[in-house]
Amino acid sequence: MFSVPGLPFKILEQTGQTKMQLLVHSITEAVGNGELKEGDALPSVNQLSAESGFSRDTVFKAYSALKKNGLVESTLAKGYYVAGESYKVFMLLDDFSAFKEQLYNSFRQNLPQTYSVDLLFHHYNREVFQQLIRNSLGRYNSYVVMNIDHDGIDPALEEIDPKKLLILDMGAPLSETVSYIIQNFGESVESCLEKGWHRLKKYDELVLVYDEKETPHPSETVWATQRFCRKHNIRFKTVKRPQSPEIRKGQVWFTIRDADLVEVIKTCRKNDFKPGKDVGVLSYNDTPMKQIVGGGISVISTNFEQMGILAAGFIKNKQKIARVLPTSLILRESL
């Protein structure tokens, strides 16, 4: 960061940005932190070019981008000026689902109305993930990102100022400067299964629906479930998809994807199996629908509303947070 005499804002230095992105980022930051306020005049294209050393074309493109974002306006009489004080948040989630909707609604409701949130999804496509991150650089005051995997932080995230970055759901950052609000997918799952042992013990086999390539979920849950079954002498297996011939009485089916849960429920109805009596059904991540379907689906889940509230707190307070949210077993009639 460096000050330029004659400019009402500081030029922020950040690797991986074009000169145009650098100007957009610097002015956006100045508005976000109150250095520039609504109605404040900005240098003309010629003045900013001369003072900063950037070309006129670069300055014009930066002002055009800021106008498109609604942060800057221009008139013949006033030139360029700050249109309004706004704070822009970049939120990148993995996919759209009922519990992600709970997370987003909770996040949005706990932010001031003057804060704008751009919500995007990466759908576990690493190329899309990296492109969205890099396209966002310099355009936002804060970044809330649902990590693409559990094992590490994608290099694209290293281009974001760590003080502005919040990692959600999985993958604790190696850097102590990066904030996170995540789940534990191993020991917490095993602990939840132990709490449900009084209901699980009537079943002779636990079937976990899990495809290593297609189920976007950390494998720690597989090993945790296997340890639990080994400890209690319950047969255990994983299948990639629930199929009618495989579902029989005396089993408990543990699904992670909602699409697989639907197939299990449909197959139970087709074979006249009653969930909770003939076949046990357990699902990962709670949603309002799971509270009522078939008398209620038992779940292992974290509290996504709380995750949204804490994430909004990080944005508003600008203070580091490092939280592993508790995971709970919610017993309903399906188990």
Protein backbone atom coordinates (compact mmCIF):
# COMPACT_ATOMS: atom_id res chain seq x y z
CA MET A 1 0.00 0.00 0.00
CA PHE A 2 1.33 3.46 -0.81
CA SER A 3 0.02 7.02 -0.75
CA VAL A 4 0.17 9.25 -3.81
CA PRO A 5 0.17 13.02 -3.17
CA GLY A 6 -2.95 14.58 -4.64
CA LEU A 7 -5.05 11.39 -4.52
CA PRO A 8 -7.86 11.03 -1.93
CA PHE A 9 -7.20 7.28 -1.50
CA LYS A 10 -4.25 4.92 -1.12
CA ILE A 11 -3.12 2.59 -3.90
CA LEU A 12 -3.15 -0.98 -2.55
CA GLU A 13 -0.52 -3.36 -3.82
CA GLN A 14 -1.60 -6.98 -4.35
CA THR A 15 -0.04 -9.72 -6.43
CA GLY A 16 -1.96 -11.40 -9.20
CA GLN A 17 -3.96 -8.30 -10.15
CA THR A 18 -3.93 -6.24 -13.30
CA LYS A 19 -3.45 -2.47 -12.94
CA MET A 20 -7.14 -1.97 -13.67
CA GLN A 21 -8.13 -4.48 -10.94
CA LEU A 22 -5.71 -2.76 -8.57
CA LEU A 23 -7.43 0.61 -9.05
CA VAL A 24 -10.90 -0.92 -8.67
CA HIS A 25 -9.79 -2.72 -5.51
CA SER A 26 -8.16 0.39 -4.03
CA ILE A 27 -11.21 2.63 -4.55
CA THR A 28 -13.63 -0.08 -3.37
CA GLU A 29 -11.57 -0.52 -0.20
CA ALA A 30 -11.43 3.23 0.39
CA VAL A 31 -15.23 3.41 0.23
CA GLY A 32 -15.66 0.30 2.38
CA ASN A 33 -13.44 1.57 5.19
CA GLY A 34 -14.82 5.12 5.13
CA GLU A 35 -11.78 6.76 3.58
CA LEU A 36 -14.06 7.87 0.73
CA LYS A 37 -17.67 8.77 1.45
CA GLU A 38 -20.81 9.26 -0.61
CA GLY A 39 -20.51 12.33 -2.80
CA ASP A 40 -16.73 12.64 -2.50
CA ALA A 41 -15.09 13.74 -5.75
CA LEU A 42 -12.65 11.44 -7.47
CA PRO A 43 -9.71 12.56 -9.66
CA SER A 44 -10.37 13.00 -13.35
CA VAL A 45 -9.07 10.35 -15.71
CA ASN A 46 -6.17 12.61 -16.71
CA GLN A 47 -5.29 13.52 -13.12
CA LEU A 48 -5.42 9.94 -11.82
CA SER A 49 -3.33 8.77 -14.78
CA ALA A 50 -0.72 11.46 -14.16
CA GLU A 51 -0.59 10.97 -10.38
CA SER A 52 -0.58 7.15 -10.36
CA GLY A 53 1.44 6.44 -13.45
CA PHE A 54 -1.31 4.23 -14.89
CA SER A 55 -2.41 4.78 -18.47
CA ARG A 56 -5.56 6.77 -19.25
CA ASP A 57 -7.09 3.63 -20.74
CA THR A 58 -6.46 1.71 -17.48
CA VAL A 59 -8.04 4.47 -15.39
CA PHE A 60 -11.03 4.77 -17.71
CA LYS A 61 -11.64 0.99 -17.58
CA ALA A 62 -11.39 1.03 -13.77
CA TYR A 63 -13.91 3.87 -13.49
CA SER A 64 -16.20 2.07 -15.96
CA ALA A 65 -16.07 -1.10 -13.84
CA LEU A 66 -16.83 0.91 -10.68
CA LYS A 67 -19.77 2.61 -12.42
CA LYS A 68 -21.11 -0.77 -13.49
CA ASN A 69 -20.90 -1.94 -9.87
CA GLY A 70 -22.85 1.14 -8.76
CA LEU A 71 -20.04 2.52 -6.63
CA VAL A 72 -19.10 5.48 -8.85
CA GLU A 73 -21.14 7.93 -10.92
CA SER A 74 -20.11 10.69 -13.33
CA THR A 75 -21.68 13.88 -14.68
CA LEU A 76 -20.38 16.71 -16.85
CA ALA A 77 -20.71 19.12 -13.94
CA LYS A 78 -19.19 17.02 -11.16
CA GLY A 79 -16.92 14.60 -12.98
CA TYR A 80 -16.44 11.26 -11.20
CA TYR A 81 -17.69 10.89 -7.62
CA VAL A 82 -18.63 8.22 -5.05
CA ALA A 83 -22.23 7.20 -5.67
CA GLY A 84 -22.80 5.58 -2.30
CA GLU A 85 -21.12 3.88 0.60
CA SER A 86 -21.41 0.17 0.00
CA TYR A 87 -19.68 -2.96 1.17
CA LYS A 88 -19.43 -5.80 -1.33
CA VAL A 89 -19.18 -9.44 -0.28
CA PHE A 90 -18.18 -12.31 -2.54
CA MET A 91 -19.83 -15.59 -1.44
CA LEU A 92 -18.87 -18.81 -3.23
CA LEU A 93 -20.73 -21.97 -2.19
CA ASP A 94 -20.29 -25.50 -3.52
CA ASP A 95 -23.84 -26.09 -4.79
CA PHE A 96 -27.45 -25.14 -4.22
CA SER A 97 -29.34 -27.27 -1.70
CA ALA A 98 -31.89 -26.77 1.05
CA PHE A 99 -29.33 -26.51 3.84
CA LYS A 100 -27.15 -24.13 1.79
CA GLU A 101 -30.26 -21.98 1.37
CA GLN A 102 -30.60 -21.94 5.17
CA LEU A 103 -26.98 -20.87 5.43
CA TYR A 104 -27.34 -18.07 2.89
CA ASN A 105 -30.62 -16.74 4.30
CA SER A 106 -29.15 -16.64 7.80
CA PHE A 107 -26.03 -14.91 6.49
CA ARG A 108 -27.96 -12.31 4.50
CA GLN A 109 -30.44 -11.56 7.31
CA ASN A 110 -27.61 -10.81 9.74
CA LEU A 111 -25.87 -8.29 7.47
CA PRO A 112 -26.81 -4.61 7.14
CA GLN A 113 -28.99 -3.84 4.13
CA THR A 114 -26.25 -1.60 2.75
CA TYR A 115 -24.02 -4.66 2.29
CA SER A 116 -24.36 -6.34 -1.10
CA VAL A 117 -23.66 -10.06 -1.54
CA ASP A 118 -22.81 -11.71 -4.84
CA LEU A 119 -23.64 -15.44 -4.51
CA LEU A 120 -22.01 -17.95 -6.88
CA PHE A 121 -21.53 -21.74 -7.01
CA HIS A 122 -18.53 -23.84 -8.07
CA HIS A 123 -20.23 -27.29 -8.16
CA TYR A 124 -16.90 -28.95 -7.21
CA ASN A 125 -15.38 -28.02 -10.56
CA ARG A 126 -11.83 -26.89 -9.80
CA GLU A 127 -11.43 -24.94 -13.03
CA VAL A 128 -14.67 -23.04 -12.37
CA PHE A 129 -13.63 -22.50 -8.74
CA GLN A 130 -10.28 -20.98 -9.69
CA GLN A 131 -11.76 -18.83 -12.45
CA LEU A 132 -14.46 -17.39 -10.20
CA ILE A 133 -11.90 -16.58 -7.51
CA ARG A 134 -9.50 -14.90 -9.91
CA ASN A 135 -12.28 -12.91 -11.59
CA SER A 136 -13.33 -11.61 -8.17
CA LEU A 137 -9.94 -10.28 -7.11
CA GLY A 138 -9.98 -6.58 -6.30
CA ARG A 139 -13.73 -6.25 -6.62
CA TYR A 140 -14.89 -7.10 -3.08
CA ASN A 141 -14.30 -6.07 0.51
CA SER A 142 -14.67 -9.60 1.90
CA TYR A 143 -14.69 -13.16 0.59
CA VAL A 144 -16.70 -16.07 2.02
CA VAL A 145 -15.73 -19.30 0.28
CA MET A 146 -16.96 -22.86 0.73
CA ASN A 147 -13.83 -24.89 0.07
CA ILE A 148 -13.64 -27.28 -2.87
CA ASP A 149 -12.09 -30.16 -0.88
CA HIS A 150 -11.17 -31.15 2.65
CA ASP A 151 -7.46 -31.80 2.26
CA GLY A 152 -6.10 -28.35 1.55
CA ILE A 153 -6.61 -24.82 0.34
CA ASP A 154 -6.63 -24.22 -3.41
CA PRO A 155 -3.72 -22.00 -4.55
CA ALA A 156 -6.20 -19.51 -6.05
CA LEU A 157 -7.29 -18.56 -2.52
CA GLU A 158 -3.74 -17.51 -1.66
CA GLU A 159 -4.23 -14.50 -3.94
CA ILE A 160 -6.87 -13.08 -1.57
CA ASP A 161 -5.82 -10.94 1.38
CA PRO A 162 -6.05 -13.51 4.23
CA LYS A 163 -7.66 -10.96 6.54
CA LYS A 164 -10.60 -10.68 4.14
CA LEU A 165 -11.08 -14.41 3.56
CA LEU A 166 -13.40 -16.77 5.45
CA ILE A 167 -13.37 -20.51 4.70
CA LEU A 168 -16.65 -22.36 5.28
CA ASP A 169 -17.67 -25.97 5.87
CA MET A 170 -14.50 -28.01 5.30
CA GLY A 171 -10.73 -27.73 5.08
CA ALA A 172 -9.02 -25.85 7.91
CA PRO A 173 -6.47 -23.43 6.39
CA LEU A 174 -2.78 -24.05 7.10
CA SER A 175 -2.22 -20.32 7.56
CA GLU A 176 -3.14 -19.02 11.02
CA THR A 177 -4.15 -15.69 9.49
CA VAL A 178 -7.10 -17.15 7.52
CA SER A 179 -10.46 -17.41 9.30
CA TYR A 180 -12.65 -20.49 9.12
CA ILE A 181 -15.97 -21.95 10.28
CA ILE A 182 -15.92 -25.67 9.51
CA GLN A 183 -17.29 -29.07 10.47
CA ASN A 184 -15.59 -32.19 11.80
CA PHE A 185 -16.46 -35.10 9.52
CA GLY A 186 -14.69 -37.86 11.45
CA GLU A 187 -14.71 -38.09 15.24
CA SER A 188 -17.92 -36.03 15.47
CA VAL A 189 -19.76 -38.47 13.18
CA GLU A 190 -18.54 -41.43 15.23
CA SER A 191 -19.69 -39.69 18.40
CA CYS A 192 -23.14 -39.09 16.89
CA LEU A 193 -23.44 -42.77 15.93
CA GLU A 194 -22.50 -43.75 19.50
CA LYS A 195 -25.29 -41.52 20.82
CA GLY A 196 -27.72 -43.36 18.56
CA TRP A 197 -26.50 -46.84 19.48
CA HIS A 198 -29.66 -47.60 21.49
CA ARG A 199 -31.60 -47.41 18.20
CA LEU A 200 -28.94 -48.68 15.82
CA LYS A 201 -28.32 -51.90 17.74
CA LYS A 202 -31.54 -53.51 16.42
CA TYR A 203 -30.08 -53.55 12.87
CA ASP A 204 -27.58 -56.16 11.69
CA GLU A 205 -25.97 -54.16 8.86
CA LEU A 206 -25.17 -50.52 8.14
CA VAL A 207 -24.98 -49.51 4.49
CA LEU A 208 -23.33 -46.18 3.65
CA VAL A 209 -24.14 -44.76 0.21
CA TYR A 210 -20.85 -43.21 -0.89
CA ASP A 211 -19.09 -42.83 -4.21
CA GLU A 212 -15.55 -41.55 -3.75
CA LYS A 213 -15.60 -39.80 -7.13
CA GLU A 214 -19.14 -38.40 -7.11
CA THR A 215 -20.06 -37.85 -3.46
CA PRO A 216 -18.72 -34.40 -2.53
CA HIS A 217 -18.03 -35.30 1.08
CA PRO A 218 -14.83 -35.98 3.07
CA SER A 219 -13.88 -39.66 3.31
CA GLU A 220 -13.37 -39.23 7.08
CA THR A 221 -17.08 -40.00 7.47
CA VAL A 222 -16.58 -43.40 5.81
CA TRP A 223 -13.76 -44.36 8.18
CA ALA A 224 -15.66 -43.05 11.22
CA THR A 225 -18.73 -45.12 10.32
CA GLN A 226 -16.57 -48.19 9.71
CA ARG A 227 -14.87 -47.83 13.11
CA PHE A 228 -18.25 -47.59 14.82
CA CYS A 229 -19.53 -50.72 13.10
CA ARG A 230 -16.36 -52.67 13.87
CA LYS A 231 -16.58 -51.69 17.54
CA HIS A 232 -20.20 -52.86 17.83
CA ASN A 233 -19.89 -55.90 15.56
CA ILE A 234 -22.33 -54.57 12.93
CA ARG A 235 -21.73 -55.56 9.32
CA PHE A 236 -20.69 -52.57 7.25
CA LYS A 237 -20.47 -51.86 3.55
CA THR A 238 -20.51 -48.95 1.13
CA VAL A 239 -22.46 -48.84 -2.12
CA LYS A 240 -22.35 -46.22 -4.85
CA ARG A 241 -26.12 -46.14 -5.36
CA PRO A 242 -29.12 -47.57 -3.49
CA GLN A 243 -30.79 -50.31 -5.53
CA SER A 244 -33.97 -52.25 -4.88
CA PRO A 245 -32.48 -55.77 -4.62
CA GLU A 246 -29.88 -54.57 -2.10
CA ILE A 247 -32.31 -53.04 0.39
CA ARG A 248 -33.63 -55.62 2.84
CA LYS A 249 -35.15 -55.75 6.31
CA GLY A 250 -32.71 -55.41 9.18
CA GLN A 251 -30.46 -52.88 7.44
CA VAL A 252 -29.88 -49.22 8.25
CA TRP A 253 -29.10 -47.02 5.24
CA PHE A 254 -26.94 -43.95 5.75
CA THR A 255 -27.11 -41.44 2.86
CA ILE A 256 -25.15 -38.25 2.27
CA ARG A 257 -26.70 -36.99 -0.96
CA ASP A 258 -30.40 -36.10 -0.87
CA ALA A 259 -30.88 -37.81 -4.25
CA ASP A 260 -29.78 -41.11 -2.68
CA LEU A 261 -32.10 -40.55 0.30
CA VAL A 262 -35.02 -40.17 -2.11
CA GLU A 263 -34.13 -43.49 -3.79
CA VAL A 264 -33.98 -45.28 -0.43
CA ILE A 265 -37.40 -43.94 0.61
CA LYS A 266 -38.92 -44.82 -2.79
CA THR A 267 -37.53 -48.34 -2.63
CA CYS A 268 -38.84 -48.83 0.90
CA ARG A 269 -42.32 -47.82 -0.25
CA LYS A 270 -42.09 -50.07 -3.28
CA ASN A 271 -41.22 -53.08 -1.09
CA ASP A 272 -43.66 -52.08 1.66
CA PHE A 273 -40.81 -51.59 4.16
CA LYS A 274 -41.56 -49.17 6.99
CA PRO A 275 -38.62 -46.83 7.77
CA GLY A 276 -37.73 -47.06 11.44
CA LYS A 277 -39.22 -50.52 11.76
CA ASP A 278 -38.15 -52.76 8.88
CA VAL A 279 -35.32 -50.56 7.58
CA GLY A 280 -33.43 -47.77 9.33
CA VAL A 281 -32.78 -44.52 7.46
CA LEU A 282 -30.14 -41.97 8.46
CA SER A 283 -29.19 -38.88 6.43
CA TYR A 284 -26.43 -36.27 6.51
CA ASN A 285 -27.35 -32.56 6.82
CA ASP A 286 -30.73 -31.50 8.13
CA THR A 287 -33.35 -29.66 6.07
CA PRO A 288 -36.93 -28.58 6.86
CA MET A 289 -38.26 -31.31 4.55
CA LYS A 290 -36.44 -34.07 6.47
CA GLN A 291 -38.27 -33.00 9.60
CA ILE A 292 -41.62 -34.07 8.15
CA VAL A 293 -41.08 -36.72 5.42
CA GLY A 294 -42.27 -40.12 6.56
CA GLY A 295 -42.66 -39.00 10.15
CA GLY A 296 -39.18 -37.45 10.06
CA ILE A 297 -35.76 -38.54 8.82
CA SER A 298 -33.03 -38.98 11.44
CA VAL A 299 -29.98 -36.87 10.61
CA ILE A 300 -26.40 -36.11 11.52
CA SER A 301 -25.93 -32.40 10.94
CA THR A 302 -24.29 -29.18 11.92
CA ASN A 303 -26.32 -26.00 12.39
CA PHE A 304 -26.15 -24.10 9.10
CA GLU A 305 -28.15 -21.18 10.45
CA GLN A 306 -25.50 -20.70 13.11
CA MET A 307 -22.80 -20.95 10.43
CA GLY A 308 -24.51 -18.10 8.57
CA ILE A 309 -24.77 -15.95 11.70
CA LEU A 310 -21.09 -16.45 12.54
CA ALA A 311 -20.06 -15.74 8.94
CA ALA A 312 -22.03 -12.47 9.00
CA GLY A 313 -20.30 -11.59 12.27
CA PHE A 314 -16.91 -12.05 10.63
CA ILE A 315 -17.93 -9.67 7.83
CA LYS A 316 -19.30 -6.99 10.17
CA ASN A 317 -16.67 -7.16 12.92
CA LYS A 318 -13.64 -7.82 10.68
CA GLN A 319 -12.16 -10.01 13.41
CA LYS A 320 -10.48 -13.37 12.94
CA ILE A 321 -12.58 -16.43 13.70
CA ALA A 322 -11.52 -20.09 13.97
CA ARG A 323 -14.48 -22.32 14.81
CA VAL A 324 -15.28 -25.99 14.38
CA LEU A 325 -19.06 -26.20 14.71
CA PRO A 326 -20.51 -29.10 16.69
CA THR A 327 -22.22 -31.92 14.82
CA SER A 328 -25.41 -33.36 16.31
CA LEU A 329 -27.55 -36.44 15.97
CA ILE A 330 -31.25 -35.62 15.59
CA LEU A 331 -33.37 -38.75 16.08
CA ARG A 332 -36.72 -39.05 14.31
CA GLU A 333 -39.01 -41.91 13.31
CA SER A 334 -36.82 -43.24 10.47
CA LEU A 335 -34.37 -44.77 12.93
